[in-house]
PDB file of N, CA and C in Angstrom:
ATOM      1  N   MET A   1      57.191  36.652 264.429  1.00  0.00           N
ATOM      2  CA  MET A   1      57.217  36.393 262.966  1.00  0.00           C
ATOM      3  C   MET A   1      56.652  36.930 262.427  1.00  0.00           C
ATOM      4  N   ASN A   2      57.264  37.910 261.209  1.00  0.00           N
ATOM      5  CA  ASN A   2      56.902  38.851 260.660  1.00  0.00           C
ATOM      6  C   ASN A   2      56.306  38.218 259.238  1.00  0.00           C
ATOM      7  N   PRO A   3      54.489  38.695 258.735  1.00  0.00           N
ATOM      8  CA  PRO A   3      53.996  38.013 257.897  1.00  0.00           C
ATOM      9  C   PRO A   3      55.008  38.258 256.476  1.00  0.00           C
ATOM     10  N   LEU A   4      55.572  39.715 256.104  1.00  0.00           N
ATOM     11  CA  LEU A   4      56.187  39.699 255.325  1.00  0.00           C
ATOM     12  C   LEU A   4      57.966  39.459 254.703  1.00  0.00           C
ATOM     13  N   GLU A   5      58.194  38.432 255.667  1.00  0.00           N
ATOM     14  CA  GLU A   5      59.544  38.155 255.362  1.00  0.00           C
ATOM     15  C   GLU A   5      60.415  37.349 254.413  1.00  0.00           C
ATOM     16  N   LYS A   6      58.772  36.712 253.473  1.00  0.00           N
ATOM     17  CA  LYS A   6      58.959  35.477 252.661  1.00  0.00           C
ATOM     18  C   LYS A   6      58.750  37.021 251.172  1.00  0.00           C
ATOM     19  N   VAL A   7      58.584  38.618 251.389  1.00  0.00           N
ATOM     20  CA  VAL A   7      58.557  39.216 250.217  1.00  0.00           C
ATOM     21  C   VAL A   7      59.731  39.742 249.774  1.00  0.00           C
ATOM     22  N   THR A   8      60.173  39.887 248.666  1.00  0.00           N
ATOM     23  CA  THR A   8      61.239  40.704 248.264  1.00  0.00           C
ATOM     24  C   THR A   8      60.830  41.628 246.279  1.00  0.00           C
ATOM     25  N   ALA A   9      62.035  42.175 246.759  1.00  0.00           N
ATOM     26  CA  ALA A   9      61.612  43.476 245.764  1.00  0.00           C
ATOM     27  C   ALA A   9      61.905  42.480 244.511  1.00  0.00           C
ATOM     28  N   GLY A  10      61.218  43.249 243.380  1.00  0.00           N
ATOM     29  CA  GLY A  10      61.023  42.576 241.936  1.00  0.00           C
ATOM     30  C   GLY A  10      60.138  41.557 242.024  1.00  0.00           C
ATOM     31  N   THR A  11      59.290  41.043 242.922  1.00  0.00           N
ATOM     32  CA  THR A  11      58.007  40.209 243.107  1.00  0.00           C
ATOM     33  C   THR A  11      57.344  41.181 241.925  1.00  0.00           C
ATOM     34  N   THR A  12      56.708  40.180 241.328  1.00  0.00           N
ATOM     35  CA  THR A  12      55.358  41.454 239.858  1.00  0.00           C
ATOM     36  C   THR A  12      54.723  40.026 239.475  1.00  0.00           C
ATOM     37  N   ALA A  13      53.494  40.780 239.468  1.00  0.00           N
ATOM     38  CA  ALA A  13      52.555  40.388 238.830  1.00  0.00           C
ATOM     39  C   ALA A  13      50.999  40.849 238.171  1.00  0.00           C
ATOM     40  N   SER A  14      51.018  40.845 237.169  1.00  0.00           N
ATOM     41  CA  SER A  14      49.729  41.405 236.412  1.00  0.00           C
ATOM     42  C   SER A  14      48.230  40.677 235.903  1.00  0.00           C
ATOM     43  N   MET A  15      47.947  41.056 235.677  1.00  0.00           N
ATOM     44  CA  MET A  15      46.136  40.936 235.907  1.00  0.00           C
ATOM     45  C   MET A  15      45.265  41.370 234.205  1.00  0.00           C
ATOM     46  N   LEU A  16      44.802  40.870 233.736  1.00  0.00           N
ATOM     47  CA  LEU A  16      43.893  41.139 232.284  1.00  0.00           C
ATOM     48  C   LEU A  16      42.669  41.667 232.554  1.00  0.00           C
ATOM     49  N   VAL A  17      42.247  42.686 232.067  1.00  0.00           N
ATOM     50  CA  VAL A  17      40.766  42.848 232.197  1.00  0.00           C
ATOM     51  C   VAL A  17      40.399  43.783 230.566  1.00  0.00           C
ATOM     52  N   THR A  18      39.453  43.285 230.242  1.00  0.00           N
ATOM     53  CA  THR A  18      38.201  43.855 229.202  1.00  0.00           C
ATOM     54  C   THR A  18      37.784  44.637 229.470  1.00  0.00           C
ATOM     55  N   VAL A  19      37.527  46.165 229.505  1.00  0.00           N
ATOM     56  CA  VAL A  19      36.609  47.181 229.450  1.00  0.00           C
ATOM     57  C   VAL A  19      35.248  46.861 229.464  1.00  0.00           C
ATOM     58  N   THR A  20      34.524  46.417 230.617  1.00  0.00           N
ATOM     59  CA  THR A  20      33.121  46.809 230.128  1.00  0.00           C
ATOM     60  C   THR A  20      32.481  48.057 230.354  1.00  0.00           C
ATOM     61  N   PRO A  21      31.012  48.190 229.834  1.00  0.00           N
ATOM     62  CA  PRO A  21      30.094  49.369 230.021  1.00  0.00           C
ATOM     63  C   PRO A  21      29.927  49.954 231.819  1.00  0.00           C
ATOM     64  N   GLU A  22      30.227  48.609 232.308  1.00  0.00           N
ATOM     65  CA  GLU A  22      30.155  48.581 234.078  1.00  0.00           C
ATOM     66  C   GLU A  22      31.051  49.604 234.612  1.00  0.00           C
ATOM     67  N   MET A  23      32.681  49.366 233.956  1.00  0.00           N
ATOM     68  CA  MET A  23      33.886  49.909 234.369  1.00  0.00           C
ATOM     69  C   MET A  23      34.022  51.396 233.930  1.00  0.00           C
ATOM     70  N   THR A  24      32.972  51.823 232.799  1.00  0.00           N
ATOM     71  CA  THR A  24      33.385  53.348 232.806  1.00  0.00           C
ATOM     72  C   THR A  24      32.646  54.384 233.651  1.00  0.00           C
ATOM     73  N   VAL A  25      33.374  55.580 233.044  1.00  0.00           N
ATOM     74  CA  VAL A  25      32.586  56.667 234.172  1.00  0.00           C
ATOM     75  C   VAL A  25      31.261  56.753 234.016  1.00  0.00           C
ATOM     76  N   GLY A  26      31.084  57.054 232.573  1.00  0.00           N
ATOM     77  CA  GLY A  26      29.986  57.025 232.248  1.00  0.00           C
ATOM     78  C   GLY A  26      28.656  56.149 232.963  1.00  0.00           C
ATOM     79  N   HIS A  27      29.166  54.576 233.155  1.00  0.00           N
ATOM     80  CA  HIS A  27      27.667  53.700 234.055  1.00  0.00           C
ATOM     81  C   HIS A  27      27.701  54.846 234.997  1.00  0.00           C
ATOM     82  N   VAL A  28      28.364  55.172 235.672  1.00  0.00           N
ATOM     83  CA  VAL A  28      28.646  55.640 237.029  1.00  0.00           C
ATOM     84  C   VAL A  28      28.258  57.311 237.321  1.00  0.00           C
ATOM     85  N   VAL A  29      28.337  58.068 235.812  1.00  0.00           N
ATOM     86  CA  VAL A  29      28.180  59.458 236.477  1.00  0.00           C
ATOM     87  C   VAL A  29      27.215  59.587 234.746  1.00  0.00           C
ATOM     88  N   PRO A  30      25.649  59.619 234.821  1.00  0.00           N
ATOM     89  CA  PRO A  30      25.428  60.375 233.855  1.00  0.00           C
ATOM     90  C   PRO A  30      25.996  61.398 232.881  1.00  0.00           C
ATOM     91  N   GLY A  31      26.442  61.587 231.508  1.00  0.00           N
ATOM     92  CA  GLY A  31      26.271  62.239 230.811  1.00  0.00           C
ATOM     93  C   GLY A  31      28.136  62.487 230.670  1.00  0.00           C
ATOM     94  N   MET A  32      29.028  61.549 231.884  1.00  0.00           N
ATOM     95  CA  MET A  32      30.360  61.661 231.397  1.00  0.00           C
ATOM     96  C   MET A  32      30.734  60.525 230.360  1.00  0.00           C
ATOM     97  N   PRO A  33      31.727  60.418 229.854  1.00  0.00           N
ATOM     98  CA  PRO A  33      31.893  58.993 228.227  1.00  0.00           C
ATOM     99  C   PRO A  33      31.896  57.847 228.973  1.00  0.00           C
ATOM    100  N   GLU A  34      31.714  57.512 228.195  1.00  0.00           N
ATOM    101  CA  GLU A  34      32.096  55.495 228.773  1.00  0.00           C
ATOM    102  C   GLU A  34      33.330  55.454 228.125  1.00  0.00           C
ATOM    103  N   VAL A  35      34.225  55.655 228.755  1.00  0.00           N
ATOM    104  CA  VAL A  35      35.932  54.939 228.911  1.00  0.00           C
ATOM    105  C   VAL A  35      36.096  54.652 230.637  1.00  0.00           C
ATOM    106  N   TYR A  36      37.249  53.929 230.443  1.00  0.00           N
ATOM    107  CA  TYR A  36      37.505  52.985 231.227  1.00  0.00           C
ATOM    108  C   TYR A  36      37.673  54.076 232.775  1.00  0.00           C
ATOM    109  N   GLY A  37      37.211  53.682 233.730  1.00  0.00           N
ATOM    110  CA  GLY A  37      36.863  54.228 235.130  1.00  0.00           C
ATOM    111  C   GLY A  37      38.805  54.695 235.914  1.00  0.00           C
ATOM    112  N   THR A  38      38.607  55.641 236.253  1.00  0.00           N
ATOM    113  CA  THR A  38      39.889  55.870 237.018  1.00  0.00           C
ATOM    114  C   THR A  38      39.880  54.680 238.665  1.00  0.00           C
ATOM    115  N   PRO A  39      38.591  55.028 239.559  1.00  0.00           N
ATOM    116  CA  PRO A  39      38.312  53.851 240.056  1.00  0.00           C
ATOM    117  C   PRO A  39      38.896  52.399 239.548  1.00  0.00           C
ATOM    118  N   MET A  40      38.119  51.987 238.545  1.00  0.00           N
ATOM    119  CA  MET A  40      38.719  50.370 238.202  1.00  0.00           C
ATOM    120  C   MET A  40      39.782  50.670 237.727  1.00  0.00           C
ATOM    121  N   MET A  41      40.497  51.524 237.314  1.00  0.00           N
ATOM    122  CA  MET A  41      41.843  50.719 237.363  1.00  0.00           C
ATOM    123  C   MET A  41      42.773  51.271 238.509  1.00  0.00           C
ATOM    124  N   ILE A  42      42.592  51.680 239.260  1.00  0.00           N
ATOM    125  CA  ILE A  42      42.819  51.415 240.683  1.00  0.00           C
ATOM    126  C   ILE A  42      42.859  50.136 241.332  1.00  0.00           C
ATOM    127  N   LEU A  43      41.313  50.284 240.739  1.00  0.00           N
ATOM    128  CA  LEU A  43      40.920  48.372 241.905  1.00  0.00           C
ATOM    129  C   LEU A  43      41.794  47.483 240.831  1.00  0.00           C
ATOM    130  N   HIS A  44      42.194  47.696 239.470  1.00  0.00           N
ATOM    131  CA  HIS A  44      43.024  46.337 239.119  1.00  0.00           C
ATOM    132  C   HIS A  44      44.346  46.462 238.821  1.00  0.00           C
ATOM    133  N   MET A  45      45.210  47.557 239.090  1.00  0.00           N
ATOM    134  CA  MET A  45      46.356  47.917 239.907  1.00  0.00           C
ATOM    135  C   MET A  45      46.382  47.247 240.985  1.00  0.00           C
ATOM    136  N   GLU A  46      45.311  46.978 242.517  1.00  0.00           N
ATOM    137  CA  GLU A  46      45.403  46.889 243.525  1.00  0.00           C
ATOM    138  C   GLU A  46      45.563  45.510 243.726  1.00  0.00           C
ATOM    139  N   MET A  47      44.763  44.644 243.064  1.00  0.00           N
ATOM    140  CA  MET A  47      44.245  43.378 242.799  1.00  0.00           C
ATOM    141  C   MET A  47      45.554  42.759 242.007  1.00  0.00           C
ATOM    142  N   ALA A  48      46.357  43.457 241.617  1.00  0.00           N
ATOM    143  CA  ALA A  48      47.926  42.950 240.847  1.00  0.00           C
ATOM    144  C   ALA A  48      48.410  42.747 241.976  1.00  0.00           C
ATOM    145  N   ALA A  49      48.708  43.940 242.940  1.00  0.00           N
ATOM    146  CA  ALA A  49      49.549  44.021 243.821  1.00  0.00           C
ATOM    147  C   ALA A  49      49.488  42.854 244.775  1.00  0.00           C
ATOM    148  N   GLY A  50      47.884  42.694 244.881  1.00  0.00           N
ATOM    149  CA  GLY A  50      48.009  41.689 246.061  1.00  0.00           C
ATOM    150  C   GLY A  50      47.713  40.250 245.729  1.00  0.00           C
ATOM    151  N   SER A  51      47.416  39.727 244.199  1.00  0.00           N
ATOM    152  CA  SER A  51      48.087  38.854 244.135  1.00  0.00           C
ATOM    153  C   SER A  51      49.859  38.269 243.802  1.00  0.00           C
ATOM    154  N   ALA A  52      50.391  39.549 243.532  1.00  0.00           N
ATOM    155  CA  ALA A  52      52.196  39.514 243.981  1.00  0.00           C
ATOM    156  C   ALA A  52      52.596  38.223 245.103  1.00  0.00           C
ATOM    157  N   VAL A  53      51.671  39.381 245.835  1.00  0.00           N
ATOM    158  CA  VAL A  53      52.397  38.728 247.930  1.00  0.00           C
ATOM    159  C   VAL A  53      51.507  37.596 247.919  1.00  0.00           C
ATOM    160  N   GLN A  54      50.512  37.440 247.293  1.00  0.00           N
ATOM    161  CA  GLN A  54      49.616  36.436 248.826  1.00  0.00           C
ATOM    162  C   GLN A  54      50.282  35.055 248.757  1.00  0.00           C
ATOM    163  N   PRO A  55      50.596  34.123 247.506  1.00  0.00           N
ATOM    164  CA  PRO A  55      51.170  33.190 248.090  1.00  0.00           C
ATOM    165  C   PRO A  55      52.347  33.441 249.113  1.00  0.00           C
ATOM    166  N   LEU A  56      53.060  34.238 249.019  1.00  0.00           N
ATOM    167  CA  LEU A  56      54.258  34.377 250.424  1.00  0.00           C
ATOM    168  C   LEU A  56      53.592  34.708 251.586  1.00  0.00           C
ATOM    169  N   LEU A  57      52.913  35.136 252.040  1.00  0.00           N
ATOM    170  CA  LEU A  57      51.941  35.483 253.127  1.00  0.00           C
ATOM    171  C   LEU A  57      52.411  34.033 253.959  1.00  0.00           C
ATOM    172  N   PRO A  58      52.017  34.168 255.293  1.00  0.00           N
ATOM    173  CA  PRO A  58      51.516  32.842 255.738  1.00  0.00           C
ATOM    174  C   PRO A  58      49.765  32.522 255.662  1.00  0.00           C
ATOM    175  N   ALA A  59      49.664  31.152 256.082  1.00  0.00           N
ATOM    176  CA  ALA A  59      48.272  30.988 256.377  1.00  0.00           C
ATOM    177  C   ALA A  59      47.660  31.908 257.019  1.00  0.00           C
ATOM    178  N   GLY A  60      46.089  32.432 256.781  1.00  0.00           N
ATOM    179  CA  GLY A  60      45.403  32.991 257.717  1.00  0.00           C
ATOM    180  C   GLY A  60      46.201  34.893 257.649  1.00  0.00           C
ATOM    181  N   HIS A  61      46.859  34.954 256.668  1.00  0.00           N
ATOM    182  CA  HIS A  61      46.895  36.479 256.571  1.00  0.00           C
ATOM    183  C   HIS A  61      46.430  36.848 254.996  1.00  0.00           C
ATOM    184  N   VAL A  62      46.483  37.836 254.875  1.00  0.00           N
ATOM    185  CA  VAL A  62      46.120  38.708 253.601  1.00  0.00           C
ATOM    186  C   VAL A  62      46.862  39.795 253.583  1.00  0.00           C
ATOM    187  N   SER A  63      46.755  41.224 252.200  1.00  0.00           N
ATOM    188  CA  SER A  63      47.598  42.188 252.301  1.00  0.00           C
ATOM    189  C   SER A  63      46.342  43.052 252.310  1.00  0.00           C
ATOM    190  N   VAL A  64      46.534  43.779 252.244  1.00  0.00           N
ATOM    191  CA  VAL A  64      45.135  45.073 251.859  1.00  0.00           C
ATOM    192  C   VAL A  64      45.984  46.638 251.643  1.00  0.00           C
ATOM    193  N   GLY A  65      45.121  47.197 250.909  1.00  0.00           N
ATOM    194  CA  GLY A  65      45.548  48.507 250.342  1.00  0.00           C
ATOM    195  C   GLY A  65      45.645  49.174 251.658  1.00  0.00           C
ATOM    196  N   MET A  66      46.665  50.328 251.335  1.00  0.00           N
ATOM    197  CA  MET A  66      47.321  51.291 252.852  1.00  0.00           C
ATOM    198  C   MET A  66      47.237  52.920 252.387  1.00  0.00           C
ATOM    199  N   MET A  67      47.421  52.642 250.217  1.00  0.00           N
ATOM    200  CA  MET A  67      47.947  54.436 249.817  1.00  0.00           C
ATOM    201  C   MET A  67      47.783  53.917 248.545  1.00  0.00           C
ATOM    202  N   VAL A  68      47.330  54.516 247.884  1.00  0.00           N
ATOM    203  CA  VAL A  68      47.332  54.865 246.125  1.00  0.00           C
ATOM    204  C   VAL A  68      47.899  56.033 246.011  1.00  0.00           C
ATOM    205  N   ASN A  69      48.823  56.297 244.718  1.00  0.00           N
ATOM    206  CA  ASN A  69      49.171  57.965 244.649  1.00  0.00           C
ATOM    207  C   ASN A  69      49.188  57.366 242.749  1.00  0.00           C
ATOM    208  N   ILE A  70      47.990  57.673 242.176  1.00  0.00           N
ATOM    209  CA  ILE A  70      48.031  57.065 240.548  1.00  0.00           C
ATOM    210  C   ILE A  70      47.712  58.677 240.059  1.00  0.00           C
ATOM    211  N   ARG A  71      48.351  58.366 238.541  1.00  0.00           N
ATOM    212  CA  ARG A  71      48.271  59.555 236.998  1.00  0.00           C
ATOM    213  C   ARG A  71      47.450  58.201 236.331  1.00  0.00           C
ATOM    214  N   HIS A  72      46.517  58.999 235.838  1.00  0.00           N
ATOM    215  CA  HIS A  72      45.345  58.557 235.022  1.00  0.00           C
ATOM    216  C   HIS A  72      45.809  58.701 233.555  1.00  0.00           C
ATOM    217  N   LEU A  73      46.490  58.502 232.477  1.00  0.00           N
ATOM    218  CA  LEU A  73      47.396  59.023 231.974  1.00  0.00           C
ATOM    219  C   LEU A  73      46.489  59.054 230.626  1.00  0.00           C
ATOM    220  N   ALA A  74      45.973  58.147 230.042  1.00  0.00           N
ATOM    221  CA  ALA A  74      45.077  58.170 228.935  1.00  0.00           C
ATOM    222  C   ALA A  74      43.330  57.426 229.018  1.00  0.00           C
ATOM    223  N   ALA A  75      42.366  57.954 227.945  1.00  0.00           N
ATOM    224  CA  ALA A  75      40.901  57.595 228.234  1.00  0.00           C
ATOM    225  C   ALA A  75      41.349  56.047 227.251  1.00  0.00           C
ATOM    226  N   THR A  76      40.532  55.256 227.766  1.00  0.00           N
ATOM    227  CA  THR A  76      40.426  53.603 227.448  1.00  0.00           C
ATOM    228  C   THR A  76      39.267  53.262 227.097  1.00  0.00           C
ATOM    229  N   PRO A  77      38.766  52.858 226.205  1.00  0.00           N
ATOM    230  CA  PRO A  77      36.974  52.583 225.417  1.00  0.00           C
ATOM    231  C   PRO A  77      36.397  50.835 225.664  1.00  0.00           C
ATOM    232  N   VAL A  78      35.404  50.745 225.782  1.00  0.00           N
ATOM    233  CA  VAL A  78      34.775  50.145 226.285  1.00  0.00           C
ATOM    234  C   VAL A  78      35.324  49.093 225.169  1.00  0.00           C
ATOM    235  N   GLY A  79      35.838  47.315 225.330  1.00  0.00           N
ATOM    236  CA  GLY A  79      36.180  46.825 224.260  1.00  0.00           C
ATOM    237  C   GLY A  79      37.492  46.294 224.629  1.00  0.00           C
ATOM    238  N   ARG A  80      38.335  47.328 224.702  1.00  0.00           N
ATOM    239  CA  ARG A  80      39.539  46.884 224.895  1.00  0.00           C
ATOM    240  C   ARG A  80      40.685  46.665 226.066  1.00  0.00           C
ATOM    241  N   THR A  81      41.536  45.863 225.563  1.00  0.00           N
ATOM    242  CA  THR A  81      42.005  45.088 227.019  1.00  0.00           C
ATOM    243  C   THR A  81      43.376  45.665 227.985  1.00  0.00           C
ATOM    244  N   VAL A  82      42.981  45.638 228.725  1.00  0.00           N
ATOM    245  CA  VAL A  82      43.802  46.477 229.775  1.00  0.00           C
ATOM    246  C   VAL A  82      44.690  45.444 230.558  1.00  0.00           C
ATOM    247  N   ARG A  83      46.006  45.870 230.811  1.00  0.00           N
ATOM    248  CA  ARG A  83      46.551  44.755 231.818  1.00  0.00           C
ATOM    249  C   ARG A  83      47.289  46.113 232.491  1.00  0.00           C
ATOM    250  N   ALA A  84      46.992  45.868 234.192  1.00  0.00           N
ATOM    251  CA  ALA A  84      47.597  46.034 235.058  1.00  0.00           C
ATOM    252  C   ALA A  84      48.636  45.326 235.868  1.00  0.00           C
ATOM    253  N   ILE A  85      49.958  46.183 236.159  1.00  0.00           N
ATOM    254  CA  ILE A  85      50.959  45.312 236.391  1.00  0.00           C
ATOM    255  C   ILE A  85      51.411  46.326 237.686  1.00  0.00           C
ATOM    256  N   ALA A  86      51.976  45.411 239.327  1.00  0.00           N
ATOM    257  CA  ALA A  86      52.104  45.833 240.107  1.00  0.00           C
ATOM    258  C   ALA A  86      53.948  45.080 240.184  1.00  0.00           C
ATOM    259  N   ARG A  87      54.914  46.026 240.905  1.00  0.00           N
ATOM    260  CA  ARG A  87      56.082  45.436 241.132  1.00  0.00           C
ATOM    261  C   ARG A  87      56.844  45.774 242.529  1.00  0.00           C
ATOM    262  N   VAL A  88      56.927  44.651 243.575  1.00  0.00           N
ATOM    263  CA  VAL A  88      57.529  45.296 244.361  1.00  0.00           C
ATOM    264  C   VAL A  88      58.649  46.210 244.490  1.00  0.00           C
ATOM    265  N   VAL A  89      58.708  47.107 245.140  1.00  0.00           N
ATOM    266  CA  VAL A  89      60.079  48.166 245.590  1.00  0.00           C
ATOM    267  C   VAL A  89      60.396  48.429 246.364  1.00  0.00           C
ATOM    268  N   ALA A  90      59.611  47.768 247.359  1.00  0.00           N
ATOM    269  CA  ALA A  90      59.628  47.797 248.667  1.00  0.00           C
ATOM    270  C   ALA A  90      59.315  47.148 249.419  1.00  0.00           C
ATOM    271  N   VAL A  91      60.318  46.280 250.513  1.00  0.00           N
ATOM    272  CA  VAL A  91      59.538  46.182 251.726  1.00  0.00           C
ATOM    273  C   VAL A  91      60.010  46.111 252.958  1.00  0.00           C
ATOM    274  N   GLU A  92      58.893  47.027 253.898  1.00  0.00           N
ATOM    275  CA  GLU A  92      59.503  47.387 255.007  1.00  0.00           C
ATOM    276  C   GLU A  92      58.709  46.688 256.500  1.00  0.00           C
ATOM    277  N   ALA A  93      59.253  47.180 257.446  1.00  0.00           N
ATOM    278  CA  ALA A  93      58.594  46.213 258.429  1.00  0.00           C
ATOM    279  C   ALA A  93      56.714  45.644 258.922  1.00  0.00           C
ATOM    280  N   ARG A  94      55.769  47.279 258.142  1.00  0.00           N
ATOM    281  CA  ARG A  94      55.195  46.403 258.543  1.00  0.00           C
ATOM    282  C   ARG A  94      53.891  46.700 257.044  1.00  0.00           C
ATOM    283  N   SER A  95      54.625  47.075 255.836  1.00  0.00           N
ATOM    284  CA  SER A  95      54.173  47.217 254.466  1.00  0.00           C
ATOM    285  C   SER A  95      54.948  47.091 253.479  1.00  0.00           C
ATOM    286  N   ILE A  96      54.752  46.712 252.636  1.00  0.00           N
ATOM    287  CA  ILE A  96      55.227  46.786 250.926  1.00  0.00           C
ATOM    288  C   ILE A  96      54.861  47.853 250.412  1.00  0.00           C
ATOM    289  N   LEU A  97      55.844  48.361 249.502  1.00  0.00           N
ATOM    290  CA  LEU A  97      55.433  49.466 248.269  1.00  0.00           C
ATOM    291  C   LEU A  97      55.705  48.719 246.975  1.00  0.00           C
ATOM    292  N   PHE A  98      54.528  48.996 246.205  1.00  0.00           N
ATOM    293  CA  PHE A  98      55.158  48.914 244.697  1.00  0.00           C
ATOM    294  C   PHE A  98      54.830  49.999 243.927  1.00  0.00           C
ATOM    295  N   ASP A  99      55.668  49.127 242.951  1.00  0.00           N
ATOM    296  CA  ASP A  99      55.335  50.941 241.489  1.00  0.00           C
ATOM    297  C   ASP A  99      54.444  49.728 240.488  1.00  0.00           C
ATOM    298  N   VAL A 100      52.929  50.556 239.784  1.00  0.00           N
ATOM    299  CA  VAL A 100      52.093  49.805 239.508  1.00  0.00           C
ATOM    300  C   VAL A 100      52.186  50.669 237.899  1.00  0.00           C
ATOM    301  N   GLU A 101      51.562  50.256 237.293  1.00  0.00           N
ATOM    302  CA  GLU A 101      51.170  50.952 235.776  1.00  0.00           C
ATOM    303  C   GLU A 101      50.401  49.901 235.347  1.00  0.00           C
ATOM    304  N   ALA A 102      49.318  50.973 234.471  1.00  0.00           N
ATOM    305  CA  ALA A 102      48.231  50.106 233.415  1.00  0.00           C
ATOM    306  C   ALA A 102      48.190  50.454 231.779  1.00  0.00           C
ATOM    307  N   TRP A 103      48.458  49.374 231.329  1.00  0.00           N
ATOM    308  CA  TRP A 103      48.537  49.374 229.854  1.00  0.00           C
ATOM    309  C   TRP A 103      47.208  49.097 228.764  1.00  0.00           C
ATOM    310  N   ASP A 104      46.894  49.660 227.896  1.00  0.00           N
ATOM    311  CA  ASP A 104      46.266  49.612 227.181  1.00  0.00           C
ATOM    312  C   ASP A 104      46.859  49.375 225.513  1.00  0.00           C
ATOM    313  N   GLY A 105      47.152  48.424 225.278  1.00  0.00           N
ATOM    314  CA  GLY A 105      48.379  47.441 224.013  1.00  0.00           C
ATOM    315  C   GLY A 105      49.702  48.104 224.440  1.00  0.00           C
ATOM    316  N   ASP A 106      50.281  48.769 223.624  1.00  0.00           N
ATOM    317  CA  ASP A 106      51.433  49.267 224.371  1.00  0.00           C
ATOM    318  C   ASP A 106      51.846  50.653 224.383  1.00  0.00           C
ATOM    319  N   ARG A 107      50.066  51.119 224.735  1.00  0.00           N
ATOM    320  CA  ARG A 107      50.404  52.745 225.326  1.00  0.00           C
ATOM    321  C   ARG A 107      49.657  52.737 227.065  1.00  0.00           C
ATOM    322  N   LYS A 108      50.846  53.172 227.882  1.00  0.00           N
ATOM    323  CA  LYS A 108      50.824  53.659 229.318  1.00  0.00           C
ATOM    324  C   LYS A 108      49.506  54.358 229.682  1.00  0.00           C
ATOM    325  N   ILE A 109      48.381  53.858 230.074  1.00  0.00           N
ATOM    326  CA  ILE A 109      47.223  54.341 230.493  1.00  0.00           C
ATOM    327  C   ILE A 109      47.307  55.080 231.742  1.00  0.00           C
ATOM    328  N   GLY A 110      48.587  54.587 232.882  1.00  0.00           N
ATOM    329  CA  GLY A 110      48.521  54.642 234.502  1.00  0.00           C
ATOM    330  C   GLY A 110      49.339  54.155 234.905  1.00  0.00           C
ATOM    331  N   ASP A 111      49.714  55.108 235.882  1.00  0.00           N
ATOM    332  CA  ASP A 111      51.183  54.384 236.438  1.00  0.00           C
ATOM    333  C   ASP A 111      50.915  55.398 238.299  1.00  0.00           C
ATOM    334  N   GLY A 112      51.985  54.578 238.996  1.00  0.00           N
ATOM    335  CA  GLY A 112      52.191  55.206 240.164  1.00  0.00           C
ATOM    336  C   GLY A 112      52.526  54.349 241.350  1.00  0.00           C
ATOM    337  N   THR A 113      52.361  54.677 242.467  1.00  0.00           N
ATOM    338  CA  THR A 113      52.525  54.015 243.887  1.00  0.00           C
ATOM    339  C   THR A 113      51.733  53.306 244.552  1.00  0.00           C
ATOM    340  N   HIS A 114      51.829  52.008 245.456  1.00  0.00           N
ATOM    341  CA  HIS A 114      50.791  51.385 245.865  1.00  0.00           C
ATOM    342  C   HIS A 114      51.476  50.993 246.868  1.00  0.00           C
ATOM    343  N   ARG A 115      50.642  51.297 248.268  1.00  0.00           N
ATOM    344  CA  ARG A 115      51.383  50.440 249.854  1.00  0.00           C
ATOM    345  C   ARG A 115      50.152  49.613 250.249  1.00  0.00           C
ATOM    346  N   ARG A 116      50.621  48.676 250.674  1.00  0.00           N
ATOM    347  CA  ARG A 116      49.638  47.642 251.061  1.00  0.00           C
ATOM    348  C   ARG A 116      50.741  46.965 252.570  1.00  0.00           C
ATOM    349  N   GLY A 117      50.139  46.644 253.636  1.00  0.00           N
ATOM    350  CA  GLY A 117      50.122  45.887 254.487  1.00  0.00           C
ATOM    351  C   GLY A 117      49.387  44.550 254.936  1.00  0.00           C
ATOM    352  N   ALA A 118      50.192  43.664 255.693  1.00  0.00           N
ATOM    353  CA  ALA A 118      49.408  42.049 255.880  1.00  0.00           C
ATOM    354  C   ALA A 118      48.502  42.495 257.653  1.00  0.00           C
ATOM    355  N   SER A 119      47.923  41.796 257.214  1.00  0.00           N
ATOM    356  CA  SER A 119      46.226  41.710 258.151  1.00  0.00           C
ATOM    357  C   SER A 119      45.992  40.159 258.059  1.00  0.00           C
ATOM    358  N   THR A 120      45.625  40.037 259.714  1.00  0.00           N
ATOM    359  CA  THR A 120      45.157  38.192 259.458  1.00  0.00           C
ATOM    360  C   THR A 120      43.788  38.391 258.812  1.00  0.00           C
ATOM    361  N   SER A 121      43.592  37.064 258.419  1.00  0.00           N
ATOM    362  CA  SER A 121      42.120  37.690 257.244  1.00  0.00           C
ATOM    363  C   SER A 121      41.013  37.434 258.580  1.00  0.00           C
ATOM    364  N   PRO A 122      39.727  38.293 257.741  1.00  0.00           N
ATOM    365  CA  PRO A 122      38.378  37.921 258.695  1.00  0.00           C
ATOM    366  C   PRO A 122      38.277  36.826 258.914  1.00  0.00           C
ATOM    367  N   ASN A 123      38.603  35.767 257.935  1.00  0.00           N
ATOM    368  CA  ASN A 123      38.044  34.421 257.751  1.00  0.00           C
ATOM    369  C   ASN A 123      38.763  33.302 258.208  1.00  0.00           C
ATOM    370  N   SER A 124      40.365  33.540 259.308  1.00  0.00           N
ATOM    371  CA  SER A 124      40.899  32.981 259.714  1.00  0.00           C
ATOM    372  C   SER A 124      40.770  32.863 261.262  1.00  0.00           C
ATOM    373  N   SER A 125      41.085  32.325 261.616  1.00  0.00           N
ATOM    374  CA  SER A 125      40.913  31.913 263.314  1.00  0.00           C
ATOM    375  C   SER A 125      41.322  32.634 263.847  1.00  0.00           C
ATOM    376  N   GLY A 126      42.162  33.449 263.755  1.00  0.00           N
ATOM    377  CA  GLY A 126      42.988  34.917 264.382  1.00  0.00           C
ATOM    378  C   GLY A 126      41.873  35.926 264.789  1.00  0.00           C
ATOM    379  N   GLY A 127      40.506  36.210 263.689  1.00  0.00           N
ATOM    380  CA  GLY A 127      40.205  37.147 263.735  1.00  0.00           C
ATOM    381  C   GLY A 127      40.789  38.327 262.947  1.00  0.00           C
ATOM    382  N   SER A 128      39.875  39.238 263.077  1.00  0.00           N
ATOM    383  CA  SER A 128      40.500  40.667 261.971  1.00  0.00           C
ATOM    384  C   SER A 128      41.097  41.602 262.806  1.00  0.00           C
ATOM    385  N   ALA A 129      42.135  41.975 262.640  1.00  0.00           N
ATOM    386  CA  ALA A 129      42.892  43.044 262.698  1.00  0.00           C
ATOM    387  C   ALA A 129      42.871  44.615 262.109  1.00  0.00           C
TER     388      ALA A 129
END
């Protein structure tokens, strides 16, 4: 059985986060601005993608990130709410391709593509793959 058989193009999910000081590049790199860091934006895009497909995977499976190709387009200060969106654009034999975006209100702050694959969960009786 292909664990991706129930995943279809168009499946979408989003998540909202409020930017905290710990999410900024300045928190990690002294002297840098206190704005939403690119690694955090990518993490939130990946989390949206994972949540889009997790309910469609068989028990004991999870999706794992395989590739990101992301542009960070604009700075977002602490306190702003970011919406990360992931939409399935293609399902292949062993992976799922997503279009991903991040928004600060009506301003797009990031976009790109993200690929995930299915794996057995290390917590399942099947072990890790």
